[in-house]
């Protein structure tokens, strides 16, 4: 099975939240216990498919739900159907 390497992280949202909360990459690394270098790759979009534990740690540190920093699919579903 070939994995799709599309970007799944909403890096713009992560950066916006970091700015709103005055959280530097260094501080986010301390808050999440993630390596600052790897965290930088996630936030910059270089890491396209990070581990779910990393995504959860980032969401928890930024006090948002995982779904706020993850891009699910390129299509929308209509729940009214």
N, C-alpha and C. Protein backbone atom coordinates (compact mmCIF):
# COMPACT_ATOMS: atom_id res chain seq x y z
N UNK A 1 0.84 -1.17 0.00
CA UNK A 1 0.00 0.00 0.00
C UNK A 1 0.89 1.25 0.00
N UNK A 2 0.67 2.12 -0.92
CA UNK A 2 1.47 3.34 -1.02
C UNK A 2 0.81 4.44 -0.19
N UNK A 3 1.58 5.07 0.64
CA UNK A 3 1.06 6.13 1.51
C UNK A 3 1.07 7.45 0.77
N UNK A 4 0.03 8.22 1.00
CA UNK A 4 -0.07 9.54 0.41
C UNK A 4 0.70 10.51 1.30
N UNK A 5 1.63 11.25 0.73
CA UNK A 5 2.48 12.15 1.51
C UNK A 5 1.97 13.59 1.51
N UNK A 6 0.65 13.75 1.30
CA UNK A 6 0.09 15.10 1.38
C UNK A 6 0.27 15.64 2.79
N UNK A 7 0.34 16.91 2.86
CA UNK A 7 0.48 17.56 4.16
C UNK A 7 -0.81 17.37 4.94
N UNK A 8 -0.70 16.92 6.18
CA UNK A 8 -1.90 16.76 6.99
C UNK A 8 -1.97 17.76 8.14
N UNK A 9 -0.87 18.45 8.40
CA UNK A 9 -0.87 19.42 9.49
C UNK A 9 -1.25 20.81 8.97
N UNK A 10 -2.11 21.48 9.69
CA UNK A 10 -2.46 22.86 9.36
C UNK A 10 -1.42 23.76 10.01
N UNK A 11 -0.29 23.88 9.35
CA UNK A 11 0.85 24.61 9.92
C UNK A 11 0.53 26.09 10.11
N UNK A 12 -0.28 26.66 9.22
CA UNK A 12 -0.66 28.06 9.38
C UNK A 12 -1.43 28.27 10.69
N UNK A 13 -2.30 27.33 11.01
CA UNK A 13 -3.09 27.41 12.24
C UNK A 13 -2.18 27.27 13.47
N UNK A 14 -1.23 26.35 13.39
CA UNK A 14 -0.31 26.15 14.51
C UNK A 14 0.49 27.43 14.76
N UNK A 15 1.02 28.00 13.69
CA UNK A 15 1.81 29.23 13.82
C UNK A 15 0.95 30.37 14.37
N UNK A 16 -0.28 30.48 13.89
CA UNK A 16 -1.19 31.53 14.37
C UNK A 16 -1.46 31.36 15.87
N UNK A 17 -1.73 30.14 16.29
CA UNK A 17 -1.98 29.88 17.70
C UNK A 17 -0.74 30.18 18.55
N UNK A 18 0.43 29.82 18.04
CA UNK A 18 1.67 30.10 18.77
C UNK A 18 1.84 31.61 18.93
N UNK A 19 1.57 32.36 17.87
CA UNK A 19 1.70 33.82 17.93
C UNK A 19 0.69 34.42 18.91
N UNK A 20 -0.55 33.95 18.85
CA UNK A 20 -1.60 34.46 19.74
C UNK A 20 -1.26 34.21 21.21
N UNK A 21 -0.61 33.10 21.48
CA UNK A 21 -0.30 32.72 22.86
C UNK A 21 1.13 33.07 23.26
N UNK A 22 1.85 33.76 22.36
CA UNK A 22 3.25 34.13 22.59
C UNK A 22 4.11 32.93 22.97
N UNK A 23 3.96 31.86 22.19
CA UNK A 23 4.73 30.64 22.43
C UNK A 23 5.77 30.50 21.32
N UNK A 24 7.02 30.45 21.72
CA UNK A 24 8.10 30.24 20.75
C UNK A 24 8.22 28.74 20.46
N UNK A 25 8.96 28.42 19.43
CA UNK A 25 9.21 27.02 19.10
C UNK A 25 9.94 26.33 20.25
N UNK A 26 10.88 27.05 20.85
CA UNK A 26 11.62 26.51 22.00
C UNK A 26 10.65 26.18 23.14
N UNK A 27 9.76 27.12 23.44
CA UNK A 27 8.80 26.91 24.53
C UNK A 27 7.83 25.78 24.21
N UNK A 28 7.36 25.71 22.95
CA UNK A 28 6.47 24.63 22.55
C UNK A 28 7.17 23.28 22.70
N UNK A 29 8.45 23.25 22.39
CA UNK A 29 9.22 22.03 22.58
C UNK A 29 9.27 21.61 24.04
N UNK A 30 9.45 22.57 24.93
CA UNK A 30 9.46 22.27 26.37
C UNK A 30 8.10 21.81 26.84
N UNK A 31 7.04 22.45 26.32
CA UNK A 31 5.67 22.11 26.73
C UNK A 31 5.26 20.72 26.26
N UNK A 32 5.79 20.29 25.12
CA UNK A 32 5.39 19.02 24.52
C UNK A 32 6.38 17.89 24.78
N UNK A 33 7.55 18.23 25.30
CA UNK A 33 8.64 17.26 25.46
C UNK A 33 9.08 16.68 24.12
N UNK A 34 8.94 17.48 23.07
CA UNK A 34 9.38 17.06 21.74
C UNK A 34 10.68 17.78 21.40
N UNK A 35 11.53 17.11 20.67
CA UNK A 35 12.79 17.67 20.21
C UNK A 35 12.50 18.92 19.38
N UNK A 36 13.16 20.00 19.69
CA UNK A 36 12.91 21.27 19.00
C UNK A 36 13.15 21.17 17.49
N UNK A 37 14.15 20.41 17.09
CA UNK A 37 14.44 20.24 15.67
C UNK A 37 13.30 19.53 14.95
N UNK A 38 12.83 18.43 15.51
CA UNK A 38 11.71 17.69 14.91
C UNK A 38 10.44 18.52 14.94
N UNK A 39 10.22 19.23 16.01
CA UNK A 39 9.05 20.09 16.13
C UNK A 39 9.09 21.19 15.06
N UNK A 40 10.27 21.73 14.82
CA UNK A 40 10.43 22.74 13.78
C UNK A 40 10.09 22.19 12.41
N UNK A 41 10.45 20.94 12.15
CA UNK A 41 10.12 20.31 10.88
C UNK A 41 8.61 20.12 10.73
N UNK A 42 7.94 19.80 11.82
CA UNK A 42 6.49 19.64 11.78
C UNK A 42 5.83 20.98 11.52
N UNK A 43 6.22 22.00 12.26
CA UNK A 43 5.61 23.32 12.14
C UNK A 43 5.90 23.95 10.78
N UNK A 44 7.06 23.67 10.21
CA UNK A 44 7.40 24.23 8.89
C UNK A 44 6.77 23.46 7.74
N UNK A 45 6.24 22.28 8.03
CA UNK A 45 5.63 21.47 6.99
C UNK A 45 6.57 20.49 6.34
N UNK A 46 7.82 20.44 6.78
CA UNK A 46 8.78 19.49 6.20
C UNK A 46 8.41 18.05 6.56
N UNK A 47 7.90 17.85 7.75
CA UNK A 47 7.39 16.53 8.15
C UNK A 47 5.92 16.51 7.78
N UNK A 48 5.58 15.71 6.78
CA UNK A 48 4.22 15.70 6.24
C UNK A 48 3.25 14.85 7.05
N UNK A 49 3.75 13.83 7.72
CA UNK A 49 2.87 12.88 8.40
C UNK A 49 3.44 12.52 9.78
N UNK A 50 3.34 13.46 10.73
CA UNK A 50 3.92 13.19 12.06
C UNK A 50 3.12 12.15 12.84
N UNK A 51 3.76 11.58 13.82
CA UNK A 51 3.09 10.60 14.69
C UNK A 51 1.91 11.25 15.40
N UNK A 52 0.89 10.45 15.64
CA UNK A 52 -0.31 10.97 16.31
C UNK A 52 0.04 11.46 17.72
N UNK A 53 1.01 10.84 18.37
CA UNK A 53 1.39 11.28 19.72
C UNK A 53 1.97 12.70 19.67
N UNK A 54 2.68 13.04 18.58
CA UNK A 54 3.22 14.39 18.42
C UNK A 54 2.09 15.39 18.18
N UNK A 55 1.14 14.99 17.32
CA UNK A 55 0.00 15.86 17.01
C UNK A 55 -0.79 16.14 18.29
N UNK A 56 -1.03 15.10 19.08
CA UNK A 56 -1.77 15.26 20.33
C UNK A 56 -1.03 16.17 21.30
N UNK A 57 0.28 16.00 21.41
CA UNK A 57 1.08 16.83 22.31
C UNK A 57 1.02 18.30 21.90
N UNK A 58 1.10 18.56 20.61
CA UNK A 58 1.04 19.94 20.11
C UNK A 58 -0.34 20.53 20.39
N UNK A 59 -1.39 19.78 20.09
CA UNK A 59 -2.75 20.25 20.34
C UNK A 59 -2.97 20.53 21.83
N UNK A 60 -2.52 19.64 22.67
CA UNK A 60 -2.67 19.83 24.12
C UNK A 60 -1.93 21.08 24.59
N UNK A 61 -0.72 21.28 24.10
CA UNK A 61 0.07 22.44 24.51
C UNK A 61 -0.58 23.74 24.05
N UNK A 62 -1.22 23.71 22.88
CA UNK A 62 -1.87 24.91 22.35
C UNK A 62 -3.32 25.05 22.82
N UNK A 63 -3.75 24.07 23.62
CA UNK A 63 -5.10 24.06 24.21
C UNK A 63 -6.20 24.09 23.15
N UNK A 64 -6.02 23.24 22.12
CA UNK A 64 -7.02 23.08 21.07
C UNK A 64 -7.24 21.60 20.81
N UNK A 65 -8.28 21.29 20.09
CA UNK A 65 -8.53 19.91 19.69
C UNK A 65 -7.63 19.53 18.53
N UNK A 66 -7.36 18.26 18.40
CA UNK A 66 -6.53 17.77 17.30
C UNK A 66 -7.10 18.21 15.96
N UNK A 67 -8.42 18.18 15.83
CA UNK A 67 -9.04 18.51 14.55
C UNK A 67 -8.82 19.96 14.13
N UNK A 68 -8.39 20.81 15.04
CA UNK A 68 -8.11 22.21 14.69
C UNK A 68 -6.75 22.38 14.02
N UNK A 69 -5.86 21.42 14.19
CA UNK A 69 -4.52 21.56 13.61
C UNK A 69 -4.22 20.49 12.56
N UNK A 70 -5.23 19.69 12.22
CA UNK A 70 -5.07 18.63 11.24
C UNK A 70 -5.99 18.89 10.06
N UNK A 71 -5.46 18.69 8.85
CA UNK A 71 -6.26 18.78 7.63
C UNK A 71 -6.71 17.36 7.32
N UNK A 72 -8.01 17.13 7.37
CA UNK A 72 -8.51 15.76 7.21
C UNK A 72 -8.47 15.29 5.76
N UNK A 73 -9.26 15.87 4.89
CA UNK A 73 -9.33 15.46 3.48
C UNK A 73 -9.54 16.69 2.63
N UNK A 74 -9.33 16.55 1.34
CA UNK A 74 -9.56 17.66 0.42
C UNK A 74 -11.01 17.74 -0.01
N UNK A 75 -11.84 16.86 0.45
CA UNK A 75 -13.25 16.93 0.09
C UNK A 75 -14.08 17.19 1.35
N UNK A 76 -15.25 17.74 1.13
CA UNK A 76 -16.16 18.03 2.25
C UNK A 76 -17.33 17.08 2.17
N UNK A 77 -17.85 16.72 3.31
CA UNK A 77 -19.05 15.89 3.35
C UNK A 77 -20.19 16.71 3.87
N UNK A 78 -21.34 16.45 3.33
CA UNK A 78 -22.54 17.16 3.76
C UNK A 78 -23.28 16.24 4.73
N UNK A 79 -23.33 16.61 5.99
CA UNK A 79 -23.94 15.76 7.01
C UNK A 79 -25.47 15.74 6.91
N UNK A 80 -26.01 16.60 6.07
CA UNK A 80 -27.46 16.64 5.92
C UNK A 80 -27.96 15.52 5.01
N UNK A 81 -27.08 14.84 4.30
CA UNK A 81 -27.50 13.80 3.36
C UNK A 81 -28.04 12.59 4.07
